[in-house]
Amino acid sequence: MPPPHPPVLSTTHEHDHIVDASILSIIKPPLPSRRPRTAQSPNNAEVLVPPLIAGALVAAFASALADGLNNELLTHYYLPEQKFRVNIDRILDRLLSEFTLMLWDELWAFYCDSNPDSTEQIKKLFDGPVCQLILILNGPEAPRCLLDKLGPGISRRPATWSESARGIELPVALQLLCSYWDREYPARSPRGTPNEIAASLHTYITTGRSARHLISRIREVLISPHYVQMHLMESALWHILMKPPYRPPGDGFHAIQFKFECQLFGPLQGIGDPQLVKMGSLPAITGTANDCVYTTISEYTAKQWPKCGELLLGCIEDAVKEASTSSCEGHSFTGMSIWDGTENPFLCPGLRLLHVEVEDGSIRTKLLAISGFTL
């Protein structure tokens, strides 16, 4: 990482992770977010720059990020006709939210360490240009702009701010933001020229730890093929919850059923003792032949669904054991397992019922849970 531009507030020594006693009195403000203006909501928790400037910043950021990703396309998401169209915008919302939180913390640590005697100026900087930057990059327009670069036609959102604000480089867009704030809100502006502030922000947005983490996460979650099926399932769930074909339940609990086609082997085909079936020890391979990750079902479940993954895996194992025993006794290959949340409501809050059925070549799972519940 190249050294950052000299701090624009006072000193020039670099961030070394040492907390000076003189800055302990500074309380880092929470990450700004868009929320209705109320008596408890400060005015700076909304975008105060013109749409043209905000749009230019979003478009320039998307272009710079796409360059950092070598303009690789999200080819795995150009799928044939699907019943539920995958929603990549929502996935990018999460990744950008994670990025802006890291960027906020990174900038705060840098400026506090570099300017221990400028508490008032730091507060103005984070109430002003930095707050506006975070709000804009964490808004709904950013995923749309980024998908225009990495996956044309995939986004499901209409263009707004950035429709007529393309073609500006990120350093210039940041200068426009900082200059506008300095001109329109002089009493709330920190010392230092807008161009110096913009240069420092640009360094961290493009080369800081948060930037490297964002690029790594996009490569892992979107450019690689490992999460395609998970994103398809997530999109289907959101479609069911947001546009249900039936009246919403009065108690808030939704019943959702999945059917997975699968090839069962080993003890499930009469080889070995059905009571020794351990689904968690079986291998789990994700990705493609050229780019794959090997782990076990138990490890994969614990990582991807930390809240209730082990519970679901246990139910599947019980159903498979029952089906294997039935098959060994000459009956049809069927098994069932039920977990009732009333037995232990604190084990997995929000989940009321889990019902697993195993048939020859498929597993059917039905769950009853409140809206917004995740495994």
Protein backbone atom coordinates (compact mmCIF):
# COMPACT_ATOMS: atom_id res chain seq x y z
CA MET A 1 0.00 0.00 0.00
CA PRO A 2 1.57 3.34 -0.98
CA PRO A 3 1.85 5.92 1.80
CA PRO A 4 -1.25 8.09 2.16
CA HIS A 5 -1.25 11.75 1.28
CA PRO A 6 -0.13 13.97 4.14
CA PRO A 7 -2.97 14.58 6.60
CA VAL A 8 -4.80 17.78 5.82
CA LEU A 9 -5.42 18.82 9.40
CA SER A 10 -2.06 19.18 11.12
CA THR A 11 0.83 16.68 11.45
CA THR A 12 2.32 14.41 8.80
CA HIS A 13 3.35 11.21 10.63
CA GLU A 14 1.65 8.07 9.35
CA HIS A 15 -0.98 5.96 11.10
CA ASP A 16 0.82 3.52 13.41
CA HIS A 17 -2.10 2.11 15.43
CA ILE A 18 -0.91 3.86 18.64
CA VAL A 19 -3.72 5.60 20.54
CA ASP A 20 -2.53 8.88 22.05
CA ALA A 21 -3.94 9.85 25.45
CA SER A 22 -4.97 13.25 24.11
CA ILE A 23 -7.47 11.73 21.68
CA LEU A 24 -9.13 9.35 24.11
CA SER A 25 -11.78 11.99 24.70
CA ILE A 26 -12.90 11.78 21.06
CA ILE A 27 -15.87 9.50 20.68
CA LYS A 28 -16.09 7.97 17.23
CA PRO A 29 -19.55 8.67 15.79
CA PRO A 30 -21.57 5.72 14.50
CA LEU A 31 -21.57 4.93 10.81
CA PRO A 32 -24.00 7.36 9.15
CA SER A 33 -27.04 5.84 7.52
CA ARG A 34 -30.07 7.13 5.71
CA ARG A 35 -32.98 7.45 8.06
CA PRO A 36 -36.01 9.73 8.39
CA ARG A 37 -35.19 13.11 9.83
CA THR A 38 -36.41 13.26 13.42
CA ALA A 39 -35.44 15.09 16.57
CA GLN A 40 -32.92 12.31 17.23
CA SER A 41 -31.54 12.22 13.68
CA PRO A 42 -28.84 14.79 12.85
CA ASN A 43 -29.18 16.72 9.61
CA ASN A 44 -25.96 15.26 8.24
CA ALA A 45 -27.54 11.79 8.07
CA GLU A 46 -28.84 12.57 4.59
CA VAL A 47 -27.18 13.37 1.29
CA LEU A 48 -26.80 17.15 1.13
CA VAL A 49 -24.92 17.47 -2.16
CA PRO A 50 -26.71 17.88 -5.52
CA PRO A 51 -27.70 14.70 -7.39
CA LEU A 52 -25.26 15.51 -10.20
CA ILE A 53 -22.29 15.50 -7.81
CA ALA A 54 -23.52 12.42 -5.96
CA GLY A 55 -24.10 10.63 -9.26
CA ALA A 56 -20.65 11.56 -10.54
CA LEU A 57 -19.08 10.15 -7.38
CA VAL A 58 -21.03 6.88 -7.59
CA ALA A 59 -20.22 6.41 -11.28
CA ALA A 60 -16.53 7.22 -10.76
CA PHE A 61 -16.29 4.87 -7.78
CA ALA A 62 -17.91 2.06 -9.78
CA SER A 63 -15.48 2.62 -12.64
CA ALA A 64 -12.45 2.61 -10.32
CA LEU A 65 -13.66 -0.53 -8.55
CA ALA A 66 -14.27 -2.30 -11.85
CA ASP A 67 -10.71 -1.42 -12.90
CA GLY A 68 -9.46 -2.90 -9.62
CA LEU A 69 -11.29 -6.10 -10.56
CA ASN A 70 -9.75 -6.04 -14.06
CA ASN A 71 -13.26 -5.49 -15.44
CA GLU A 72 -14.08 -9.18 -15.01
CA LEU A 73 -17.69 -10.00 -15.82
CA LEU A 74 -20.07 -11.88 -13.57
CA THR A 75 -20.50 -14.56 -16.23
CA HIS A 76 -21.97 -17.14 -13.83
CA TYR A 77 -25.09 -15.02 -13.40
CA TYR A 78 -26.09 -14.89 -17.07
CA LEU A 79 -28.39 -17.84 -16.51
CA PRO A 80 -31.13 -19.31 -18.69
CA GLU A 81 -34.69 -18.40 -17.83
CA GLN A 82 -35.26 -18.80 -14.11
CA LYS A 83 -38.52 -18.81 -12.20
CA PHE A 84 -37.01 -16.28 -9.79
CA ARG A 85 -34.51 -13.83 -11.19
CA VAL A 86 -31.34 -13.62 -9.08
CA ASN A 87 -30.97 -10.30 -7.25
CA ILE A 88 -27.29 -9.33 -7.28
CA ASP A 89 -28.08 -5.75 -6.22
CA ARG A 90 -28.97 -6.94 -2.72
CA ILE A 91 -25.73 -8.92 -2.44
CA LEU A 92 -23.69 -5.88 -3.44
CA ASP A 93 -25.63 -3.85 -0.87
CA ARG A 94 -24.20 -6.10 1.83
CA LEU A 95 -20.66 -6.01 0.45
CA LEU A 96 -20.68 -2.22 0.11
CA SER A 97 -22.15 -1.83 3.59
CA GLU A 98 -19.27 -3.90 4.94
CA PHE A 99 -16.81 -1.80 2.92
CA THR A 100 -18.14 1.57 4.10
CA LEU A 101 -18.02 0.46 7.74
CA MET A 102 -14.38 -0.59 7.36
CA LEU A 103 -13.57 2.62 5.47
CA TRP A 104 -15.22 4.73 8.19
CA ASP A 105 -13.14 3.01 10.90
CA GLU A 106 -9.97 3.17 8.82
CA LEU A 107 -10.29 6.90 8.12
CA TRP A 108 -11.16 7.63 11.75
CA ALA A 109 -8.08 5.78 13.04
CA PHE A 110 -5.81 7.49 10.51
CA TYR A 111 -6.98 11.04 11.18
CA CYS A 112 -7.07 10.64 14.96
CA ASP A 113 -3.55 9.22 15.07
CA SER A 114 -2.23 11.83 12.65
CA ASN A 115 -3.98 14.81 14.26
CA PRO A 116 -4.19 14.24 18.03
CA ASP A 117 -4.67 17.93 18.78
CA SER A 118 -7.36 18.64 16.16
CA THR A 119 -10.43 17.06 17.71
CA GLU A 120 -12.81 19.76 16.51
CA GLN A 121 -11.47 19.59 12.96
CA ILE A 122 -11.78 15.80 12.92
CA LYS A 123 -15.39 16.06 14.02
CA LYS A 124 -16.13 18.55 11.24
CA LEU A 125 -14.42 16.32 8.69
CA PHE A 126 -16.50 13.29 9.67
CA ASP A 127 -19.72 15.27 10.01
CA GLY A 128 -19.12 16.74 6.58
CA PRO A 129 -17.26 15.29 3.56
CA VAL A 130 -16.63 11.83 5.04
CA CYS A 131 -20.25 11.46 6.14
CA GLN A 132 -21.48 12.46 2.67
CA LEU A 133 -19.04 10.05 1.04
CA ILE A 134 -20.25 7.13 3.17
CA LEU A 135 -23.93 7.92 2.58
CA ILE A 136 -23.45 8.09 -1.19
CA LEU A 137 -21.35 4.92 -1.51
CA ASN A 138 -23.74 3.04 0.78
CA GLY A 139 -26.81 4.08 -1.20
CA PRO A 140 -28.91 2.02 -3.63
CA GLU A 141 -27.35 3.62 -6.70
CA ALA A 142 -23.86 2.17 -6.18
CA PRO A 143 -24.74 -1.50 -6.89
CA ARG A 144 -26.54 -0.48 -10.08
CA CYS A 145 -23.51 1.48 -11.32
CA LEU A 146 -21.11 -1.32 -10.47
CA LEU A 147 -23.26 -3.92 -12.22
CA ASP A 148 -23.33 -1.74 -15.33
CA LYS A 149 -19.57 -2.37 -15.42
CA LEU A 150 -19.35 -5.99 -14.24
CA GLY A 151 -22.68 -7.41 -15.34
CA PRO A 152 -24.56 -5.28 -17.88
CA GLY A 153 -28.25 -6.10 -17.77
CA ILE A 154 -28.13 -7.96 -14.44
CA SER A 155 -29.18 -5.10 -12.15
CA ARG A 156 -32.85 -4.87 -11.26
CA ARG A 157 -32.74 -1.21 -10.20
CA PRO A 158 -33.42 1.88 -12.29
CA ALA A 159 -30.64 4.42 -12.75
CA THR A 160 -31.17 7.76 -11.01
CA TRP A 161 -28.26 9.91 -9.87
CA SER A 162 -25.65 8.58 -12.26
CA GLU A 163 -27.77 8.66 -15.42
CA SER A 164 -26.15 11.88 -16.70
CA ALA A 165 -23.02 12.02 -14.55
CA ARG A 166 -20.60 9.59 -16.15
CA GLY A 167 -17.12 10.17 -17.51
CA ILE A 168 -15.54 11.82 -14.44
CA GLU A 169 -12.53 10.24 -12.74
CA LEU A 170 -12.74 9.42 -9.04
CA PRO A 171 -10.19 12.07 -7.88
CA VAL A 172 -12.18 14.78 -9.68
CA ALA A 173 -15.48 13.50 -8.29
CA LEU A 174 -14.08 13.65 -4.75
CA GLN A 175 -12.83 17.18 -5.38
CA LEU A 176 -16.32 18.20 -6.49
CA LEU A 177 -17.81 16.74 -3.31
CA CYS A 178 -15.31 18.41 -0.97
CA SER A 179 -15.41 21.74 -2.82
CA TYR A 180 -19.20 21.86 -2.71
CA TRP A 181 -19.24 21.16 1.02
CA ASP A 182 -16.56 23.78 1.69
CA ARG A 183 -18.46 26.39 -0.33
CA GLU A 184 -22.01 25.69 0.86
CA TYR A 185 -21.29 24.78 4.50
CA PRO A 186 -18.24 26.85 5.50
CA ALA A 187 -19.09 26.82 9.22
CA ARG A 188 -19.10 23.00 9.18
CA SER A 189 -15.99 22.56 7.02
CA PRO A 190 -12.62 21.43 8.41
CA ARG A 191 -9.33 23.18 7.78
CA GLY A 192 -7.37 22.20 4.72
CA THR A 193 -8.15 22.74 1.08
CA PRO A 194 -10.88 20.61 -0.55
CA ASN A 195 -8.33 19.18 -2.99
CA GLU A 196 -6.07 17.99 -0.15
CA ILE A 197 -8.99 16.35 1.64
CA ALA A 198 -10.13 14.72 -1.61
CA ALA A 199 -6.62 13.38 -2.27
CA SER A 200 -6.43 11.75 1.16
CA LEU A 201 -9.88 10.19 0.76
CA HIS A 202 -8.97 8.90 -2.69
CA THR A 203 -5.89 7.13 -1.34
CA TYR A 204 -7.87 5.16 1.21
CA ILE A 205 -10.84 4.45 -1.08
CA THR A 206 -8.59 2.89 -3.70
CA THR A 207 -5.62 1.41 -1.80
CA GLY A 208 -6.62 1.08 1.86
CA ARG A 209 -7.37 -2.12 3.75
CA SER A 210 -11.10 -1.64 3.22
CA ALA A 211 -10.61 -1.34 -0.54
CA ARG A 212 -8.49 -4.48 -0.73
CA HIS A 213 -11.03 -6.33 1.40
CA LEU A 214 -13.90 -5.25 -0.87
CA ILE A 215 -12.10 -6.43 -4.00
CA SER A 216 -11.27 -9.74 -2.32
CA ARG A 217 -14.87 -10.25 -1.18
CA ILE A 218 -16.33 -9.49 -4.62
CA ARG A 219 -13.94 -11.98 -6.19
CA GLU A 220 -14.88 -14.59 -3.60
CA VAL A 221 -18.65 -14.04 -3.46
CA LEU A 222 -19.59 -12.92 -6.98
CA ILE A 223 -16.84 -13.52 -9.54
CA SER A 224 -16.15 -17.08 -8.35
CA PRO A 225 -18.83 -19.74 -8.99
CA HIS A 226 -19.05 -20.90 -5.36
CA TYR A 227 -22.09 -18.88 -4.28
CA VAL A 228 -24.32 -19.01 -7.36
CA GLN A 229 -26.75 -21.59 -5.97
CA MET A 230 -26.92 -19.82 -2.61
CA HIS A 231 -27.76 -16.53 -4.31
CA LEU A 232 -30.46 -18.21 -6.39
CA MET A 233 -32.03 -19.64 -3.24
CA GLU A 234 -31.82 -16.30 -1.46
CA SER A 235 -33.50 -14.52 -4.36
CA ALA A 236 -36.29 -17.11 -4.42
CA LEU A 237 -36.85 -16.66 -0.68
CA TRP A 238 -37.03 -12.88 -0.96
CA HIS A 239 -39.49 -13.18 -3.83
CA ILE A 240 -41.73 -15.46 -1.78
CA LEU A 241 -41.58 -13.17 1.26
CA MET A 242 -42.01 -9.87 -0.61
CA LYS A 243 -44.58 -11.06 -3.17
CA PRO A 244 -46.41 -13.98 -1.56
CA PRO A 245 -49.09 -15.65 -3.70
CA TYR A 246 -51.28 -15.92 -0.62
CA ARG A 247 -52.40 -13.78 2.28
CA PRO A 248 -49.59 -13.14 4.82
CA PRO A 249 -49.94 -15.27 7.95
CA GLY A 250 -51.61 -13.60 10.89
CA ASP A 251 -48.97 -14.70 13.39
CA GLY A 252 -46.05 -13.62 11.19
CA PHE A 253 -44.73 -17.15 10.63
CA HIS A 254 -44.17 -18.29 7.04
CA ALA A 255 -44.12 -21.91 5.85
CA ILE A 256 -41.59 -22.51 3.06
CA GLN A 257 -40.77 -25.82 1.38
CA PHE A 258 -37.70 -26.78 -0.65
CA LYS A 259 -37.07 -29.91 -2.68
CA PHE A 260 -33.48 -30.83 -3.53
CA GLU A 261 -32.65 -33.53 -6.04
CA CYS A 262 -29.59 -35.45 -4.91
CA GLN A 263 -27.74 -38.74 -5.36
CA LEU A 264 -27.42 -40.62 -2.07
CA PHE A 265 -24.63 -43.18 -1.75
CA GLY A 266 -22.70 -45.34 0.73
CA PRO A 267 -24.87 -46.58 3.62
CA LEU A 268 -27.89 -45.15 1.83
CA GLN A 269 -27.54 -47.82 -0.86
CA GLY A 270 -27.39 -50.68 1.61
CA ILE A 271 -23.61 -50.57 2.03
CA GLY A 272 -22.80 -50.62 5.73
CA ASP A 273 -24.85 -50.08 8.86
CA PRO A 274 -27.56 -47.39 8.44
CA GLN A 275 -27.07 -46.37 12.07
CA LEU A 276 -23.52 -45.30 11.24
CA VAL A 277 -24.65 -42.71 8.73
CA LYS A 278 -22.75 -39.46 9.37
CA MET A 279 -23.73 -36.93 6.74
CA GLY A 280 -21.43 -34.33 8.28
CA SER A 281 -18.31 -36.37 7.49
CA LEU A 282 -19.11 -36.65 3.77
CA PRO A 283 -17.10 -34.41 1.41
CA ALA A 284 -18.53 -31.12 0.18
CA ILE A 285 -17.04 -29.70 -3.01
CA THR A 286 -18.18 -26.32 -4.33
CA GLY A 287 -17.28 -24.48 -7.51
CA THR A 288 -16.23 -25.95 -10.84
CA ALA A 289 -13.63 -28.45 -12.03
CA ASN A 290 -11.20 -25.59 -12.65
CA ASP A 291 -11.93 -23.68 -9.45
CA CYS A 292 -13.21 -25.71 -6.53
CA VAL A 293 -13.05 -25.83 -2.73
CA TYR A 294 -13.02 -29.09 -0.75
CA THR A 295 -14.39 -29.40 2.78
CA THR A 296 -16.83 -31.58 4.70
CA ILE A 297 -20.58 -31.09 4.92
CA SER A 298 -20.28 -30.38 8.65
CA GLU A 299 -17.60 -27.70 8.18
CA TYR A 300 -19.42 -26.13 5.25
CA THR A 301 -22.72 -26.04 7.15
CA ALA A 302 -21.16 -24.50 10.25
CA LYS A 303 -19.53 -21.76 8.18
CA GLN A 304 -22.39 -20.89 5.85
CA TRP A 305 -25.31 -21.30 8.30
CA PRO A 306 -23.81 -20.73 11.76
CA LYS A 307 -27.14 -20.13 13.50
CA CYS A 308 -29.07 -23.29 12.66
CA GLY A 309 -26.92 -25.26 10.23
CA GLU A 310 -26.03 -28.01 12.68
CA LEU A 311 -29.69 -28.36 13.63
CA LEU A 312 -30.72 -28.80 10.00
CA LEU A 313 -27.89 -31.26 9.37
CA GLY A 314 -28.95 -33.32 12.38
CA CYS A 315 -32.52 -33.52 11.08
CA ILE A 316 -31.30 -34.64 7.66
CA GLU A 317 -29.11 -37.33 9.24
CA ASP A 318 -32.03 -38.67 11.28
CA ALA A 319 -34.27 -38.78 8.20
CA VAL A 320 -31.56 -40.51 6.15
CA LYS A 321 -31.02 -43.14 8.86
CA GLU A 322 -34.74 -43.88 8.93
CA ALA A 323 -34.86 -44.13 5.13
CA SER A 324 -31.81 -46.43 5.06
CA THR A 325 -33.30 -48.71 7.71
CA SER A 326 -36.57 -48.84 5.79
CA SER A 327 -34.73 -49.72 2.58
CA CYS A 328 -32.68 -52.48 4.26
CA GLU A 329 -35.90 -54.03 5.57
CA GLY A 330 -37.30 -54.21 2.05
CA HIS A 331 -39.59 -51.21 2.25
CA SER A 332 -39.53 -48.03 0.18
CA PHE A 333 -36.64 -45.64 0.71
CA THR A 334 -38.40 -42.98 2.80
CA GLY A 335 -37.58 -41.29 6.07
CA MET A 336 -38.75 -38.32 8.08
CA SER A 337 -37.46 -36.09 10.86
CA ILE A 338 -39.18 -33.25 12.75
CA TRP A 339 -37.81 -30.59 15.08
CA ASP A 340 -40.32 -28.54 17.05
CA GLY A 341 -39.20 -25.16 18.33
CA THR A 342 -41.42 -25.40 21.39
CA GLU A 343 -39.04 -28.02 22.81
CA ASN A 344 -36.14 -25.57 22.93
CA PRO A 345 -37.17 -22.08 21.74
CA PHE A 346 -33.79 -20.56 22.62
CA LEU A 347 -31.78 -22.93 20.43
CA CYS A 348 -32.73 -21.13 17.22
CA PRO A 349 -34.94 -18.06 17.81
CA GLY A 350 -37.34 -17.35 14.96
CA LEU A 351 -37.59 -20.96 13.79
CA ARG A 352 -40.74 -22.75 14.93
CA LEU A 353 -40.76 -26.01 12.96
CA LEU A 354 -38.33 -27.96 10.78
CA HIS A 355 -39.64 -30.95 8.79
CA VAL A 356 -37.32 -33.08 6.64
CA GLU A 357 -38.43 -35.91 4.32
CA VAL A 358 -36.01 -38.15 2.43
CA GLU A 359 -37.10 -40.00 -0.70
CA ASP A 360 -35.28 -41.90 -3.38
CA GLY A 361 -33.21 -39.23 -5.15
CA SER A 362 -34.49 -36.17 -3.29
CA ILE A 363 -34.71 -34.39 0.04
CA ARG A 364 -37.71 -32.23 0.87
CA THR A 365 -37.35 -29.62 3.61
CA LYS A 366 -40.15 -27.54 5.09
CA LEU A 367 -39.58 -24.83 7.67
CA LEU A 368 -41.89 -22.54 9.60
CA ALA A 369 -40.22 -19.28 10.60
CA ILE A 370 -40.84 -15.59 11.12
CA SER A 371 -40.17 -13.07 8.34
CA GLY A 372 -36.49 -12.19 7.99
CA PHE A 373 -35.29 -15.40 9.67
CA THR A 374 -31.94 -16.68 8.39
CA LEU A 375 -30.08 -19.89 9.03
